[in-house]
Amino acid sequence: MASVYVFLADGFEEIEALTVVDLLRRAKVDVTTVSITENILVHGAHGIDVMADILFRDNLSESDMLVLPGGGPGTRSLLAHEGLKDLLKDYEKKGRYLAAICAAPSVLGMHGILKGKRAICYPGFEDKLLDAIVINNKVIVDGKIITSKGPGTSIEFSLELIKILCGEEIANQILDGILYQL
């Protein structure tokens, strides 16, 4: 079974984080939400509080993918977190999957992970995708890096993660099950 960590910081964009968690769990992916704060309760950008599964300081085992949801304040906290920076760089070095949506691709960009990669982000954050090739599309997959544009692309982003982790057949089953049309 594939495993994924979704990182939450106060001010995260709820639709981006929770759509990923919901759809991946429907696909039977082992998803663990991780609070990068000192509190298991993480406050979303729009007043939705989420109880994370674990704290970042807990022992994180290896997983198949790390996912960063956006949201302005949440993204700034993700960028400033040294432990997360080290983990992202380690996953990049090991050739593991890294995924980010909305403002969060800027975290990958600011840490030098997008150099020479095709990527997309929420409009206005393109200058933070350092040395990336910015492509205007809903979801971009370049090797082991997956980026997406914003809240309105959360379903497409999640389905792409399912394709990568579980295959196209499972992604299509989830697509049919939620009555979503691409």
Foldseek 3Di string as FASTA:
>chain_A
DAEEEEEWAAQFAVLQRVLLVVLVVVLVYHYFYEYQDPAQWHAYNVGDIDRGRYYPPPDDDDGQEYEYTDGPVGLVVCLPRPVNLVVVVVCLVVQGAYEYEALNCLSCQQSVNQADEEEEHEPPNVVSNHNHNYDPDQWDDGRRYIYGYHSVSSLVSSLVVCCVVPNNVSSVVSCVVVVHDD
